[in-house]
Amino acid sequence: MADITYDDFLNVDIRVGTVIRAEPFPEARKPAIKMWIDFGDEIGERKTSAQVTVHYTLEQLVGKQVMGVVNFPPRQIGPFMSEVLVLGCMDDSGAVVLIAPDQIVPNGGRMH
């Protein structure tokens, strides 16, 4: 990958939010879960779908804080409009593990 400047990094708006609702997404091509995430007063609630079915149940996701890119344009995923990109890393088997703060922080806080 090419090097980027610090200003390039600042253009990516990564915020913390809390999952307030999670539902199955049976229409997705690959197993996925629909999530509604509260990013605080400034950003508000955004929805997304994520292929996180290996490590997370619907119940485990609700109340979980996650990190997401909030300044990408919305993207149509089948019949669902995704408004945020939730961040994660792949484990050894290729399943997504969500990135989250290790302590509770206010929703909407920007990653620095």
N, C-alpha and C. Protein backbone atom coordinates (compact mmCIF):
# COMPACT_ATOMS: atom_id res chain seq x y z
N MET A 1 0.83 -1.18 0.00
CA MET A 1 0.00 0.00 0.00
C MET A 1 0.88 1.25 0.00
N ALA A 2 0.34 2.29 -0.58
CA ALA A 2 1.06 3.55 -0.64
C ALA A 2 0.98 4.27 0.70
N ASP A 3 2.02 5.04 1.02
CA ASP A 3 1.99 5.88 2.22
C ASP A 3 0.93 6.96 2.06
N ILE A 4 0.34 7.36 3.19
CA ILE A 4 -0.61 8.46 3.19
C ILE A 4 -0.10 9.52 4.16
N THR A 5 -0.67 10.70 4.03
CA THR A 5 -0.30 11.78 4.95
C THR A 5 -1.22 11.75 6.16
N TYR A 6 -0.86 12.47 7.19
CA TYR A 6 -1.71 12.58 8.37
C TYR A 6 -3.05 13.23 7.99
N ASP A 7 -3.02 14.19 7.07
CA ASP A 7 -4.25 14.82 6.61
C ASP A 7 -5.17 13.82 5.91
N ASP A 8 -4.58 12.86 5.15
CA ASP A 8 -5.38 11.80 4.54
C ASP A 8 -6.10 11.01 5.62
N PHE A 9 -5.39 10.66 6.68
CA PHE A 9 -5.97 9.91 7.79
C PHE A 9 -7.12 10.69 8.44
N LEU A 10 -6.92 12.01 8.61
CA LEU A 10 -7.94 12.82 9.26
C LEU A 10 -9.23 12.90 8.43
N ASN A 11 -9.14 12.63 7.13
CA ASN A 11 -10.34 12.63 6.29
C ASN A 11 -11.24 11.43 6.51
N VAL A 12 -10.72 10.39 7.17
CA VAL A 12 -11.53 9.22 7.49
C VAL A 12 -12.12 9.44 8.88
N ASP A 13 -13.44 9.59 8.95
CA ASP A 13 -14.11 9.89 10.21
C ASP A 13 -14.53 8.59 10.89
N ILE A 14 -13.71 8.13 11.83
CA ILE A 14 -13.96 6.89 12.55
C ILE A 14 -14.48 7.24 13.94
N ARG A 15 -15.69 6.75 14.24
CA ARG A 15 -16.35 7.07 15.51
C ARG A 15 -16.74 5.80 16.25
N VAL A 16 -16.96 5.95 17.55
CA VAL A 16 -17.46 4.84 18.37
C VAL A 16 -18.97 4.98 18.50
N GLY A 17 -19.64 3.85 18.46
CA GLY A 17 -21.08 3.82 18.64
C GLY A 17 -21.50 2.55 19.35
N THR A 18 -22.73 2.55 19.83
CA THR A 18 -23.28 1.38 20.53
C THR A 18 -24.38 0.76 19.69
N VAL A 19 -24.29 -0.54 19.49
CA VAL A 19 -25.33 -1.27 18.75
C VAL A 19 -26.60 -1.25 19.60
N ILE A 20 -27.68 -0.71 19.02
CA ILE A 20 -28.94 -0.62 19.76
C ILE A 20 -29.97 -1.63 19.25
N ARG A 21 -29.71 -2.20 18.08
CA ARG A 21 -30.62 -3.21 17.52
C ARG A 21 -29.84 -4.08 16.55
N ALA A 22 -30.14 -5.37 16.52
CA ALA A 22 -29.50 -6.30 15.60
C ALA A 22 -30.55 -7.30 15.11
N GLU A 23 -30.53 -7.56 13.81
CA GLU A 23 -31.50 -8.48 13.21
C GLU A 23 -30.78 -9.38 12.21
N PRO A 24 -31.32 -10.57 11.97
CA PRO A 24 -30.76 -11.42 10.92
C PRO A 24 -30.90 -10.74 9.56
N PHE A 25 -30.05 -11.11 8.63
CA PHE A 25 -30.11 -10.58 7.27
C PHE A 25 -30.11 -11.77 6.30
N PRO A 26 -31.22 -12.51 6.24
CA PRO A 26 -31.24 -13.73 5.42
C PRO A 26 -31.11 -13.47 3.93
N GLU A 27 -31.39 -12.26 3.46
CA GLU A 27 -31.28 -11.96 2.03
C GLU A 27 -29.84 -11.74 1.58
N ALA A 28 -28.92 -11.58 2.51
CA ALA A 28 -27.51 -11.34 2.15
C ALA A 28 -26.91 -12.57 1.47
N ARG A 29 -26.00 -12.33 0.53
CA ARG A 29 -25.33 -13.44 -0.17
C ARG A 29 -24.48 -14.28 0.77
N LYS A 30 -23.77 -13.60 1.66
CA LYS A 30 -22.98 -14.29 2.70
C LYS A 30 -23.65 -14.01 4.03
N PRO A 31 -23.58 -14.95 4.98
CA PRO A 31 -24.25 -14.73 6.27
C PRO A 31 -23.86 -13.38 6.89
N ALA A 32 -24.88 -12.61 7.28
CA ALA A 32 -24.65 -11.27 7.81
C ALA A 32 -25.73 -10.92 8.82
N ILE A 33 -25.46 -9.85 9.55
CA ILE A 33 -26.39 -9.32 10.55
C ILE A 33 -26.59 -7.83 10.26
N LYS A 34 -27.85 -7.40 10.32
CA LYS A 34 -28.16 -5.96 10.21
C LYS A 34 -28.04 -5.36 11.61
N MET A 35 -27.39 -4.19 11.69
CA MET A 35 -27.22 -3.52 12.98
C MET A 35 -27.60 -2.05 12.86
N TRP A 36 -28.21 -1.53 13.91
CA TRP A 36 -28.49 -0.11 14.05
C TRP A 36 -27.61 0.37 15.20
N ILE A 37 -26.83 1.43 14.94
CA ILE A 37 -25.79 1.87 15.87
C ILE A 37 -26.01 3.32 16.23
N ASP A 38 -25.96 3.61 17.53
CA ASP A 38 -26.09 4.98 18.04
C ASP A 38 -24.71 5.60 18.11
N PHE A 39 -24.47 6.62 17.27
CA PHE A 39 -23.19 7.33 17.26
C PHE A 39 -23.28 8.68 17.98
N GLY A 40 -24.22 8.85 18.88
CA GLY A 40 -24.32 10.07 19.67
C GLY A 40 -25.10 11.16 18.96
N ASP A 41 -25.22 12.30 19.65
CA ASP A 41 -26.07 13.40 19.17
C ASP A 41 -25.62 13.99 17.83
N GLU A 42 -24.33 14.12 17.61
CA GLU A 42 -23.83 14.77 16.39
C GLU A 42 -24.10 13.92 15.14
N ILE A 43 -23.86 12.63 15.22
CA ILE A 43 -24.00 11.73 14.06
C ILE A 43 -25.38 11.08 14.04
N GLY A 44 -25.87 10.68 15.19
CA GLY A 44 -27.17 10.01 15.29
C GLY A 44 -27.07 8.52 15.06
N GLU A 45 -28.21 7.93 14.73
CA GLU A 45 -28.29 6.49 14.50
C GLU A 45 -27.99 6.19 13.04
N ARG A 46 -27.17 5.18 12.82
CA ARG A 46 -26.84 4.71 11.46
C ARG A 46 -27.02 3.20 11.43
N LYS A 47 -27.33 2.68 10.25
CA LYS A 47 -27.50 1.24 10.10
C LYS A 47 -26.45 0.67 9.16
N THR A 48 -26.18 -0.62 9.35
CA THR A 48 -25.19 -1.30 8.54
C THR A 48 -25.49 -2.78 8.53
N SER A 49 -24.85 -3.50 7.64
CA SER A 49 -24.84 -4.96 7.72
C SER A 49 -23.39 -5.39 7.77
N ALA A 50 -23.16 -6.47 8.49
CA ALA A 50 -21.78 -6.94 8.65
C ALA A 50 -21.77 -8.47 8.70
N GLN A 51 -20.73 -9.04 8.13
CA GLN A 51 -20.56 -10.49 8.13
C GLN A 51 -19.86 -10.91 9.42
N VAL A 52 -20.61 -10.86 10.52
CA VAL A 52 -20.04 -11.12 11.85
C VAL A 52 -20.74 -12.29 12.54
N THR A 53 -21.34 -13.18 11.76
CA THR A 53 -22.15 -14.25 12.33
C THR A 53 -21.34 -15.36 13.00
N VAL A 54 -20.05 -15.45 12.72
CA VAL A 54 -19.24 -16.52 13.32
C VAL A 54 -19.00 -16.27 14.80
N HIS A 55 -18.65 -15.03 15.15
CA HIS A 55 -18.26 -14.74 16.53
C HIS A 55 -19.33 -14.05 17.36
N TYR A 56 -20.44 -13.61 16.74
CA TYR A 56 -21.43 -12.82 17.48
C TYR A 56 -22.85 -13.30 17.22
N THR A 57 -23.65 -13.31 18.28
CA THR A 57 -25.08 -13.52 18.14
C THR A 57 -25.76 -12.16 18.17
N LEU A 58 -27.03 -12.14 17.83
CA LEU A 58 -27.78 -10.88 17.89
C LEU A 58 -27.74 -10.31 19.30
N GLU A 59 -27.91 -11.19 20.30
CA GLU A 59 -27.94 -10.75 21.69
C GLU A 59 -26.58 -10.20 22.14
N GLN A 60 -25.49 -10.78 21.66
CA GLN A 60 -24.16 -10.30 22.04
C GLN A 60 -23.87 -8.93 21.43
N LEU A 61 -24.45 -8.64 20.28
CA LEU A 61 -24.17 -7.37 19.61
C LEU A 61 -24.90 -6.20 20.25
N VAL A 62 -26.13 -6.40 20.69
CA VAL A 62 -26.91 -5.31 21.28
C VAL A 62 -26.23 -4.86 22.57
N GLY A 63 -25.91 -3.57 22.63
CA GLY A 63 -25.20 -3.00 23.78
C GLY A 63 -23.70 -2.94 23.59
N LYS A 64 -23.17 -3.57 22.54
CA LYS A 64 -21.72 -3.59 22.29
C LYS A 64 -21.29 -2.31 21.61
N GLN A 65 -20.18 -1.74 22.07
CA GLN A 65 -19.60 -0.59 21.37
C GLN A 65 -18.72 -1.10 20.23
N VAL A 66 -18.79 -0.40 19.10
CA VAL A 66 -18.03 -0.74 17.90
C VAL A 66 -17.45 0.52 17.31
N MET A 67 -16.49 0.36 16.43
CA MET A 67 -15.90 1.48 15.70
C MET A 67 -16.41 1.42 14.25
N GLY A 68 -16.72 2.61 13.70
CA GLY A 68 -17.21 2.63 12.33
C GLY A 68 -16.80 3.89 11.60
N VAL A 69 -16.64 3.76 10.29
CA VAL A 69 -16.39 4.91 9.41
C VAL A 69 -17.75 5.50 9.07
N VAL A 70 -17.96 6.76 9.49
CA VAL A 70 -19.28 7.38 9.33
C VAL A 70 -19.37 8.34 8.15
N ASN A 71 -18.26 8.55 7.42
CA ASN A 71 -18.33 9.50 6.31
C ASN A 71 -18.16 8.87 4.93
N PHE A 72 -18.46 7.57 4.81
CA PHE A 72 -18.60 6.95 3.49
C PHE A 72 -20.01 7.20 3.00
N PRO A 73 -20.23 7.28 1.69
CA PRO A 73 -21.61 7.39 1.20
C PRO A 73 -22.36 6.10 1.47
N PRO A 74 -23.69 6.18 1.60
CA PRO A 74 -24.49 4.96 1.80
C PRO A 74 -24.27 3.98 0.66
N ARG A 75 -24.42 2.68 0.99
CA ARG A 75 -24.18 1.63 -0.01
C ARG A 75 -25.33 0.63 0.06
N GLN A 76 -25.91 0.33 -1.09
CA GLN A 76 -26.99 -0.64 -1.17
C GLN A 76 -26.42 -2.05 -1.09
N ILE A 77 -26.89 -2.82 -0.13
CA ILE A 77 -26.48 -4.22 0.02
C ILE A 77 -27.76 -5.05 -0.07
N GLY A 78 -28.03 -5.57 -1.26
CA GLY A 78 -29.31 -6.26 -1.48
C GLY A 78 -30.45 -5.28 -1.22
N PRO A 79 -31.43 -5.69 -0.41
CA PRO A 79 -32.56 -4.80 -0.13
C PRO A 79 -32.31 -3.81 1.01
N PHE A 80 -31.07 -3.74 1.49
CA PHE A 80 -30.76 -2.97 2.69
C PHE A 80 -29.75 -1.87 2.36
N MET A 81 -29.99 -0.65 2.87
CA MET A 81 -29.07 0.47 2.65
C MET A 81 -28.14 0.58 3.86
N SER A 82 -26.85 0.35 3.63
CA SER A 82 -25.84 0.46 4.69
C SER A 82 -25.33 1.89 4.75
N GLU A 83 -25.29 2.47 5.95
CA GLU A 83 -24.92 3.87 6.13
C GLU A 83 -23.59 4.08 6.85
N VAL A 84 -22.97 3.01 7.29
CA VAL A 84 -21.72 3.11 8.03
C VAL A 84 -20.92 1.83 7.79
N LEU A 85 -19.61 1.92 7.81
CA LEU A 85 -18.75 0.75 7.69
C LEU A 85 -18.20 0.41 9.07
N VAL A 86 -18.66 -0.70 9.63
CA VAL A 86 -18.16 -1.16 10.92
C VAL A 86 -16.80 -1.81 10.70
N LEU A 87 -15.86 -1.54 11.60
CA LEU A 87 -14.48 -2.01 11.42
C LEU A 87 -14.22 -3.31 12.18
N GLY A 88 -13.43 -4.16 11.57
CA GLY A 88 -13.06 -5.42 12.18
C GLY A 88 -11.79 -5.96 11.57
N CYS A 89 -11.30 -7.03 12.15
CA CYS A 89 -10.11 -7.74 11.66
C CYS A 89 -10.49 -9.20 11.45
N MET A 90 -9.77 -9.86 10.59
CA MET A 90 -10.02 -11.28 10.34
C MET A 90 -9.22 -12.13 11.33
N ASP A 91 -9.87 -13.18 11.83
CA ASP A 91 -9.14 -14.13 12.67
C ASP A 91 -8.43 -15.14 11.75
N ASP A 92 -7.82 -16.18 12.31
CA ASP A 92 -7.06 -17.15 11.52
C ASP A 92 -7.91 -17.88 10.48
N SER A 93 -9.21 -17.98 10.73
CA SER A 93 -10.08 -18.70 9.79
C SER A 93 -10.77 -17.76 8.80
N GLY A 94 -10.52 -16.44 8.91
CA GLY A 94 -11.12 -15.48 8.00
C GLY A 94 -12.43 -14.90 8.49
N ALA A 95 -12.83 -15.19 9.73
CA ALA A 95 -14.05 -14.63 10.30
C ALA A 95 -13.76 -13.26 10.91
N VAL A 96 -14.73 -12.37 10.84
CA VAL A 96 -14.55 -10.99 11.31
C VAL A 96 -14.68 -10.91 12.83
N VAL A 97 -13.71 -10.21 13.44
CA VAL A 97 -13.74 -9.85 14.85
C VAL A 97 -13.83 -8.33 14.89
N LEU A 98 -14.87 -7.81 15.52
CA LEU A 98 -15.10 -6.36 15.54
C LEU A 98 -14.05 -5.62 16.35
N ILE A 99 -13.73 -4.41 15.91
CA ILE A 99 -12.82 -3.53 16.64
C ILE A 99 -13.67 -2.67 17.57
N ALA A 100 -13.26 -2.60 18.84
CA ALA A 100 -14.02 -1.84 19.83
C ALA A 100 -13.07 -1.29 20.88
N PRO A 101 -13.46 -0.18 21.53
CA PRO A 101 -12.63 0.32 22.64
C PRO A 101 -12.63 -0.70 23.77
N ASP A 102 -11.55 -0.73 24.55
CA ASP A 102 -11.49 -1.71 25.64
C ASP A 102 -12.12 -1.19 26.93
N GLN A 103 -12.62 0.05 26.89
CA GLN A 103 -13.39 0.62 27.99
C GLN A 103 -14.57 1.37 27.37
N ILE A 104 -15.64 1.55 28.15
CA ILE A 104 -16.80 2.29 27.65
C ILE A 104 -16.43 3.76 27.50
N VAL A 105 -16.74 4.30 26.32
CA VAL A 105 -16.49 5.71 26.02
C VAL A 105 -17.77 6.31 25.46
N PRO A 106 -17.90 7.64 25.46
CA PRO A 106 -19.14 8.25 24.93
C PRO A 106 -19.35 7.94 23.45
N ASN A 107 -20.59 7.63 23.09
CA ASN A 107 -20.93 7.44 21.69
C ASN A 107 -20.62 8.69 20.89
N GLY A 108 -20.09 8.48 19.70
CA GLY A 108 -19.74 9.59 18.82
C GLY A 108 -18.31 10.05 18.95
N GLY A 109 -17.59 9.53 19.94
CA GLY A 109 -16.19 9.91 20.10
C GLY A 109 -15.38 9.53 18.86
N ARG A 110 -14.55 10.45 18.43
CA ARG A 110 -13.74 10.23 17.23
C ARG A 110 -12.43 9.53 17.57
N MET A 111 -12.03 8.59 16.71
CA MET A 111 -10.76 7.93 16.90
C MET A 111 -9.62 8.91 16.58
N HIS A 112 -8.62 8.95 17.42
CA HIS A 112 -7.47 9.84 17.22
C HIS A 112 -6.22 9.03 17.04
